[in-house]
Amino acid sequence: MHAEARMSPGPQHLQALQRANAVRLARADLKRRVAVGDVSAAQVILSSPWEAESMTVSDLLTSQKRWGTTRCRKFLQCVPIPENKTIGSMTERQRRALAQLLSVGEASCRADVTEERSERLEPALAGVA
């Protein structure tokens, strides 16, 4: 006797669609809660809920109020994390660093960037007086 374990493609395909819709709806709800301020982006990064596992860091950051792609890109330049990195694939160290930087605010990041720029400009401006 030869038994084959074949499943019809219809139900599996429908299950995948249902799963994708559930993830999309849960992710949209999470983004809404982040935008309103019920949940902070730092909390989402640290807790890494199931709906955020496949969400990119830039998607999460841009869902915050007053955060666009430019602000997100500038913020992520301070931490060596690419924009398209998924939250589920981040290491614990990356999570803590990003959450700490988010909770402290980007003021410290801007100060570091400003200091670097001024240090780079000092030699160039030394002869100008």
Protein backbone atom coordinates (compact mmCIF):
# COMPACT_ATOMS: atom_id res chain seq x y z
CA MET A 1 0.00 0.00 0.00
CA HIS A 2 1.18 3.41 -0.88
CA ALA A 3 -0.30 6.36 1.00
CA GLU A 4 0.13 9.88 -0.19
CA ALA A 5 -0.42 12.93 1.94
CA ARG A 6 -1.75 15.36 -0.61
CA MET A 7 -3.81 18.30 0.40
CA SER A 8 -5.89 20.32 -1.95
CA PRO A 9 -4.37 23.76 -2.62
CA GLY A 10 -7.64 25.60 -1.99
CA PRO A 11 -7.97 25.29 1.79
CA GLN A 12 -4.27 25.87 2.44
CA HIS A 13 -4.37 28.95 0.26
CA LEU A 14 -7.43 30.24 2.09
CA GLN A 15 -5.78 29.59 5.44
CA ALA A 16 -2.75 31.58 4.34
CA LEU A 17 -5.00 34.45 3.24
CA GLN A 18 -6.83 34.40 6.57
CA ARG A 19 -3.54 34.43 8.45
CA ALA A 20 -2.22 37.33 6.33
CA ASN A 21 -5.41 39.31 6.92
CA ALA A 22 -5.23 38.68 10.66
CA VAL A 23 -1.62 39.89 10.75
CA ARG A 24 -2.48 42.99 8.69
CA LEU A 25 -5.40 43.90 10.93
CA ALA A 26 -3.40 43.35 14.13
CA ARG A 27 -0.49 45.37 12.74
CA ALA A 28 -2.80 48.23 11.73
CA ASP A 29 -4.25 48.24 15.25
CA LEU A 30 -0.75 48.29 16.73
CA LYS A 31 0.25 51.20 14.48
CA ARG A 32 -2.88 53.10 15.54
CA ARG A 33 -2.09 52.55 19.22
CA VAL A 34 1.49 53.76 18.68
CA ALA A 35 0.25 56.84 16.78
CA VAL A 36 -2.22 57.73 19.53
CA GLY A 37 0.38 57.17 22.24
CA ASP A 38 -1.25 54.23 24.04
CA VAL A 39 1.88 52.17 23.40
CA SER A 40 5.36 53.54 22.80
CA ALA A 41 7.59 52.33 20.00
CA ALA A 42 10.21 51.43 22.62
CA GLN A 43 7.71 49.12 24.37
CA VAL A 44 6.88 47.41 21.08
CA ILE A 45 10.57 46.90 20.31
CA LEU A 46 11.30 45.44 23.75
CA SER A 47 8.22 43.20 23.97
CA SER A 48 8.22 42.20 20.28
CA PRO A 49 4.57 41.08 20.02
CA TRP A 50 3.62 38.50 17.38
CA GLU A 51 2.06 41.10 15.08
CA ALA A 52 5.30 43.11 15.02
CA GLU A 53 7.64 40.18 14.32
CA SER A 54 7.72 40.76 10.56
CA MET A 55 7.28 44.56 10.75
CA THR A 56 10.29 46.65 9.75
CA VAL A 57 11.82 49.10 12.19
CA SER A 58 11.07 51.99 9.84
CA ASP A 59 7.37 51.00 9.68
CA LEU A 60 7.17 51.11 13.45
CA LEU A 61 9.04 54.40 13.80
CA THR A 62 7.06 56.15 11.07
CA SER A 63 3.79 55.11 12.72
CA GLN A 64 4.63 57.48 15.59
CA LYS A 65 3.14 60.93 15.51
CA ARG A 66 5.32 63.48 13.65
CA TRP A 67 7.74 60.81 12.39
CA GLY A 68 8.34 60.60 8.67
CA THR A 69 10.86 58.77 6.56
CA THR A 70 13.50 61.50 6.86
CA ARG A 71 13.30 61.68 10.64
CA CYS A 72 13.37 57.89 10.84
CA ARG A 73 16.41 57.66 8.56
CA LYS A 74 18.31 60.31 10.53
CA PHE A 75 17.42 58.61 13.80
CA LEU A 76 18.58 55.20 12.61
CA GLN A 77 21.93 56.64 11.50
CA CYS A 78 22.82 56.91 15.21
CA VAL A 79 22.29 53.19 15.74
CA PRO A 80 23.81 50.67 13.33
CA ILE A 81 20.42 49.20 12.40
CA PRO A 82 19.19 49.24 8.80
CA GLU A 83 15.72 50.62 8.08
CA ASN A 84 14.46 47.37 6.58
CA LYS A 85 15.49 45.25 9.59
CA THR A 86 12.51 43.37 10.97
CA ILE A 87 11.70 43.67 14.65
CA GLY A 88 11.63 39.91 15.04
CA SER A 89 15.17 39.53 13.70
CA MET A 90 16.74 42.09 16.04
CA THR A 91 19.11 40.88 18.73
CA GLU A 92 18.44 41.64 22.38
CA ARG A 93 21.32 44.11 22.36
CA GLN A 94 19.90 45.97 19.37
CA ARG A 95 16.45 46.05 21.00
CA ARG A 96 17.78 47.55 24.22
CA ALA A 97 19.93 50.13 22.42
CA LEU A 98 17.11 51.26 20.16
CA ALA A 99 14.54 51.34 22.97
CA GLN A 100 16.89 53.33 25.18
CA LEU A 101 17.59 55.82 22.42
CA LEU A 102 13.86 56.18 21.76
CA SER A 103 12.98 56.71 25.41
CA VAL A 104 15.82 59.17 26.04
CA GLY A 105 14.85 60.95 22.88
CA GLU A 106 16.77 61.80 19.82
CA ALA A 107 18.24 64.93 21.41
CA SER A 108 21.29 62.97 22.53
CA CYS A 109 21.69 61.57 19.03
CA ARG A 110 21.48 65.03 17.50
CA ALA A 111 24.04 66.35 19.97
CA ASP A 112 26.46 63.58 18.97
CA VAL A 113 25.96 64.30 15.26
CA THR A 114 26.39 68.04 15.84
CA GLU A 115 29.62 67.45 17.80
CA GLU A 116 30.96 65.21 15.02
CA ARG A 117 30.18 67.83 12.39
CA SER A 118 31.79 70.62 14.38
CA GLU A 119 34.89 68.47 14.96
CA ARG A 120 35.15 67.78 11.23
CA LEU A 121 34.71 71.45 10.39
CA GLU A 122 37.27 72.79 12.89
CA PRO A 123 40.35 71.92 10.77
CA ALA A 124 38.69 73.31 7.65
CA LEU A 125 37.73 76.53 9.39
CA ALA A 126 41.04 76.95 11.26
CA GLY A 127 42.57 79.19 8.59
CA VAL A 128 39.44 81.28 8.17
CA ALA A 129 39.28 84.27 10.50
